Amino acid sequence: RQDEALAEARSVLADVIDVFGPESEPAAAAYRVLASALHAKKAYAEAVDAIERTLEIERTLFGPDHRDAITALNNLAVTLLAVDTTAARARAIPIIREAIE
């Protein structure tokens, strides 16, 4: 079922980008869903990419202090910690600090 969910998330993302554009609020939501599906499959590096894209769009649309951008920042830190490498953990620490400030 996770493979099906991931395939569907990728398909929806492509459709959303076609209809609303790559910098739209629906695109950010579709990237968030894709990141969740990737995280569930333990494809953490790909999930990080999707979350970073979500964060970039949400910061552009709403500003860095918007709750959705802060949630994406938190999700990025959690996913980096799941990568479980020294480099990823080192990257997560300043992101966690940023999220709580």
Protein backbone atom coordinates (compact mmCIF):
# COMPACT_ATOMS: atom_id res chain seq x y z
CA ARG A 1 0.00 0.00 0.00
CA GLN A 2 2.88 2.38 0.64
CA ASP A 3 4.04 1.97 -2.94
CA GLU A 4 0.55 2.83 -4.15
CA ALA A 5 0.37 5.86 -1.88
CA LEU A 6 3.75 7.08 -3.08
CA ALA A 7 2.80 6.65 -6.74
CA GLU A 8 -0.45 8.50 -6.13
CA ALA A 9 1.34 11.33 -4.30
CA ARG A 10 3.74 11.75 -7.23
CA SER A 11 0.87 11.74 -9.71
CA VAL A 12 -1.13 14.29 -7.74
CA LEU A 13 1.92 16.54 -7.42
CA ALA A 14 2.43 16.49 -11.19
CA ASP A 15 -1.24 17.29 -11.79
CA VAL A 16 -1.27 20.09 -9.20
CA ILE A 17 1.82 21.69 -10.72
CA ASP A 18 0.23 21.49 -14.18
CA VAL A 19 -2.98 23.14 -12.99
CA PHE A 20 -1.83 25.60 -10.31
CA GLY A 21 1.87 26.08 -11.01
CA PRO A 22 5.00 25.04 -9.13
CA GLU A 23 4.97 27.98 -6.71
CA SER A 24 1.35 27.67 -5.58
CA GLU A 25 -0.21 26.85 -2.23
CA PRO A 26 -1.68 23.61 -3.65
CA ALA A 27 1.80 22.65 -4.88
CA ALA A 28 3.18 23.15 -1.37
CA ALA A 29 0.43 20.92 0.01
CA ALA A 30 1.15 18.26 -2.64
CA TYR A 31 4.87 18.34 -1.80
CA ARG A 32 3.93 17.92 1.86
CA VAL A 33 1.87 14.82 1.04
CA LEU A 34 4.71 13.45 -1.09
CA ALA A 35 7.16 14.01 1.77
CA SER A 36 4.86 12.14 4.13
CA ALA A 37 4.61 9.18 1.74
CA LEU A 38 8.39 9.15 1.30
CA HIS A 39 8.94 9.34 5.05
CA ALA A 40 6.60 6.40 5.58
CA LYS A 41 8.74 4.38 3.14
CA LYS A 42 11.87 5.48 4.98
CA ALA A 43 13.07 7.29 1.84
CA TYR A 44 14.31 10.09 4.04
CA ALA A 45 16.70 11.79 1.60
CA GLU A 46 13.91 12.19 -0.96
CA ALA A 47 11.54 13.30 1.80
CA VAL A 48 14.03 16.00 2.78
CA ASP A 49 13.98 17.30 -0.81
CA ALA A 50 10.18 17.43 -0.84
CA ILE A 51 10.03 19.17 2.53
CA GLU A 52 12.64 21.71 1.46
CA ARG A 53 10.51 22.48 -1.58
CA THR A 54 7.42 22.83 0.64
CA LEU A 55 9.33 25.18 2.93
CA GLU A 56 10.61 27.29 0.06
CA ILE A 57 7.13 27.75 -1.40
CA GLU A 58 5.49 28.48 1.96
CA ARG A 59 8.12 31.02 2.97
CA THR A 60 7.68 32.77 -0.38
CA LEU A 61 3.88 32.78 -0.17
CA PHE A 62 3.35 33.38 3.53
CA GLY A 63 6.63 34.57 5.03
CA PRO A 64 9.04 32.78 7.35
CA ASP A 65 6.93 33.23 10.48
CA HIS A 66 3.73 31.69 9.11
CA ARG A 67 2.58 28.55 10.91
CA ASP A 68 2.77 26.43 7.75
CA ALA A 69 6.37 27.50 7.12
CA ILE A 70 7.29 26.78 10.74
CA THR A 71 5.60 23.37 10.53
CA ALA A 72 7.61 22.61 7.38
CA LEU A 73 10.77 23.70 9.17
CA ASN A 74 9.96 21.33 12.04
CA ASN A 75 9.20 18.50 9.59
CA LEU A 76 12.53 19.13 7.91
CA ALA A 77 14.39 18.83 11.21
CA VAL A 78 12.56 15.64 12.18
CA THR A 79 13.25 14.06 8.80
CA LEU A 80 16.91 15.05 8.90
CA LEU A 81 17.16 13.34 12.29
CA ALA A 82 15.60 10.22 10.74
CA VAL A 83 18.34 10.17 8.09
CA ASP A 84 20.58 9.25 11.05
CA THR A 85 23.91 10.46 9.77
CA THR A 86 26.24 12.86 11.50
CA ALA A 87 25.92 15.37 8.67
CA ALA A 88 22.11 15.24 8.71
CA ARG A 89 22.01 15.60 12.50
CA ALA A 90 24.38 18.55 12.30
CA ARG A 91 22.09 20.15 9.73
CA ALA A 92 19.02 19.52 11.90
CA ILE A 93 20.30 21.34 14.99
CA PRO A 94 20.21 24.91 13.62
CA ILE A 95 16.89 24.17 11.95
CA ILE A 96 15.43 23.10 15.30
CA ARG A 97 16.76 26.30 16.86
CA GLU A 98 15.23 28.37 14.07
CA ALA A 99 11.88 26.64 14.46
CA ILE A 100 11.65 27.38 18.19
CA GLU A 101 12.78 31.01 18.00
